[in-house]
Amino acid sequence: MVTKQPEPLLHIPYPADCPTRRILDRVGDRWTVLIVGVLSEGDARFSQLLRHVEGVSQKMLTQTLRGLERDGLVRRTVHPEVPVRVEYALTAAGRSLCEPLRALKQWATDHVDHVAASQEAYDNATSPAP
């Protein structure tokens, strides 16, 4: 007797209750993009990440790292030394994000002048006259 395999669930992110929404929220977050970018270059300690990702607060870095760890994108390793040393590294799933995020960073770099000019034109056209 042949057992029929269940149909795979289609995850379309447009319905509010689709689980892919949470993933898109995580990987689309600016701190995630920047932290994954730093970790793509190798393991890092919390203080290294804090120095590399300018503008991120300790609280936001902690929250983002915990979320990335919970989602299986970052591995936190505690080395039993005195003082304790904690390092963060990308998991295989986290490493698989590097290429799409690199493409996103490149797109932003390539289009920053166009976007800035468009914003200025829009602001000038919609600002009330003095």
Protein backbone atom coordinates (compact mmCIF):
# COMPACT_ATOMS: atom_id res chain seq x y z
CA MET A 1 0.00 0.00 0.00
CA VAL A 2 1.35 3.41 -0.99
CA THR A 3 1.07 6.13 1.61
CA LYS A 4 0.38 9.52 0.17
CA GLN A 5 2.61 12.27 1.53
CA PRO A 6 0.78 15.33 2.82
CA GLU A 7 0.86 18.36 0.60
CA PRO A 8 3.45 20.90 1.75
CA LEU A 9 1.99 24.00 3.32
CA LEU A 10 2.15 27.04 1.13
CA HIS A 11 3.42 29.96 3.10
CA ILE A 12 2.29 33.14 1.45
CA PRO A 13 3.31 36.14 3.57
CA TYR A 14 0.35 38.37 2.76
CA PRO A 15 -2.19 36.93 5.24
CA ALA A 16 -1.63 38.39 8.71
CA ASP A 17 -1.38 34.98 10.38
CA CYS A 18 1.26 33.49 8.04
CA PRO A 19 4.35 32.40 9.98
CA THR A 20 6.63 33.74 7.24
CA ARG A 21 5.66 37.26 8.38
CA ARG A 22 7.68 36.81 11.57
CA ILE A 23 10.67 35.63 9.55
CA LEU A 24 10.38 38.58 7.19
CA ASP A 25 10.14 40.92 10.17
CA ARG A 26 13.37 39.44 11.56
CA VAL A 27 15.44 39.41 8.37
CA GLY A 28 14.09 42.75 7.17
CA ASP A 29 15.07 44.54 10.37
CA ARG A 30 17.96 46.98 9.90
CA TRP A 31 19.81 45.69 12.96
CA THR A 32 19.55 42.12 11.69
CA VAL A 33 20.96 43.15 8.32
CA LEU A 34 23.90 44.91 9.95
CA ILE A 35 24.59 42.25 12.59
CA VAL A 36 24.48 39.42 10.06
CA GLY A 37 26.81 41.49 7.88
CA VAL A 38 29.37 41.73 10.69
CA LEU A 39 29.00 38.05 11.62
CA SER A 40 29.44 37.05 7.96
CA GLU A 41 33.08 38.08 8.45
CA GLY A 42 33.50 35.72 11.42
CA ASP A 43 32.58 35.13 15.04
CA ALA A 44 32.31 38.21 17.23
CA ARG A 45 31.88 39.13 20.85
CA PHE A 46 29.09 41.43 22.02
CA SER A 47 31.47 44.39 22.45
CA GLN A 48 32.83 43.90 18.93
CA LEU A 49 29.33 43.94 17.48
CA LEU A 50 28.49 47.03 19.51
CA ARG A 51 31.55 48.83 18.09
CA HIS A 52 30.96 47.73 14.48
CA VAL A 53 27.24 48.49 14.31
CA GLU A 54 27.21 52.20 15.04
CA GLY A 55 23.99 53.53 16.50
CA VAL A 56 22.70 50.27 17.96
CA SER A 57 22.06 50.43 21.70
CA GLN A 58 23.12 47.65 24.05
CA LYS A 59 19.45 46.86 24.65
CA MET A 60 18.65 46.65 20.94
CA LEU A 61 21.74 44.56 20.21
CA THR A 62 20.81 42.17 23.01
CA GLN A 63 17.21 41.88 21.77
CA THR A 64 18.28 41.33 18.18
CA LEU A 65 20.88 38.71 19.08
CA ARG A 66 18.36 36.87 21.26
CA GLY A 67 15.83 36.91 18.43
CA LEU A 68 18.40 35.69 15.92
CA GLU A 69 19.44 32.94 18.32
CA ARG A 70 15.82 31.94 18.93
CA ASP A 71 15.20 31.80 15.18
CA GLY A 72 18.24 29.56 14.69
CA LEU A 73 20.24 32.11 12.71
CA VAL A 74 22.91 32.84 15.33
CA ARG A 75 24.69 30.54 17.76
CA ARG A 76 25.79 31.90 21.14
CA THR A 77 28.78 30.14 22.66
CA VAL A 78 29.81 30.68 26.26
CA HIS A 79 33.46 29.84 26.90
CA PRO A 80 34.06 28.81 30.54
CA GLU A 81 36.93 31.17 31.23
CA VAL A 82 37.53 33.84 33.81
CA PRO A 83 36.13 36.24 32.85
CA VAL A 84 33.50 34.40 30.85
CA ARG A 85 33.86 34.90 27.09
CA VAL A 86 30.73 34.85 24.92
CA GLU A 87 30.91 34.70 21.14
CA TYR A 88 28.25 34.90 18.47
CA ALA A 89 28.42 33.11 15.13
CA LEU A 90 26.10 32.52 12.22
CA THR A 91 24.54 29.08 11.93
CA ALA A 92 24.18 27.41 8.53
CA ALA A 93 20.76 29.05 8.21
CA GLY A 94 22.27 32.41 9.17
CA ARG A 95 25.04 31.99 6.59
CA SER A 96 22.40 31.28 3.95
CA LEU A 97 21.09 34.82 4.58
CA CYS A 98 24.42 36.44 3.70
CA GLU A 99 24.01 36.41 -0.08
CA PRO A 100 20.48 37.91 -0.15
CA LEU A 101 21.50 40.54 2.42
CA ARG A 102 24.67 41.32 0.46
CA ALA A 103 22.45 41.91 -2.60
CA LEU A 104 20.19 44.18 -0.55
CA LYS A 105 23.18 46.18 0.73
CA GLN A 106 24.48 46.50 -2.83
CA TRP A 107 21.08 47.69 -4.06
CA ALA A 108 20.99 50.33 -1.30
CA THR A 109 24.51 51.48 -2.18
CA ASP A 110 23.70 51.63 -5.90
CA HIS A 111 20.45 53.56 -5.39
CA VAL A 112 21.18 55.87 -2.44
CA ASP A 113 21.68 58.95 -4.67
CA HIS A 114 18.49 58.29 -6.62
CA VAL A 115 16.45 57.75 -3.45
CA ALA A 116 17.87 60.90 -1.82
CA ALA A 117 17.07 62.97 -4.93
CA SER A 118 13.55 61.54 -5.07
CA GLN A 119 12.99 62.30 -1.38
CA GLU A 120 14.17 65.87 -1.85
CA ALA A 121 11.94 66.36 -4.91
CA TYR A 122 8.96 64.89 -3.09
CA ASP A 123 9.56 67.02 0.02
CA ASN A 124 9.92 70.17 -2.10
CA ALA A 125 6.73 69.40 -4.02
CA THR A 126 4.67 68.63 -0.92
CA SER A 127 6.00 71.28 1.47
CA PRO A 128 3.72 74.24 2.06
CA ALA A 129 5.00 77.51 0.67
CA PRO A 130 6.52 79.85 3.28
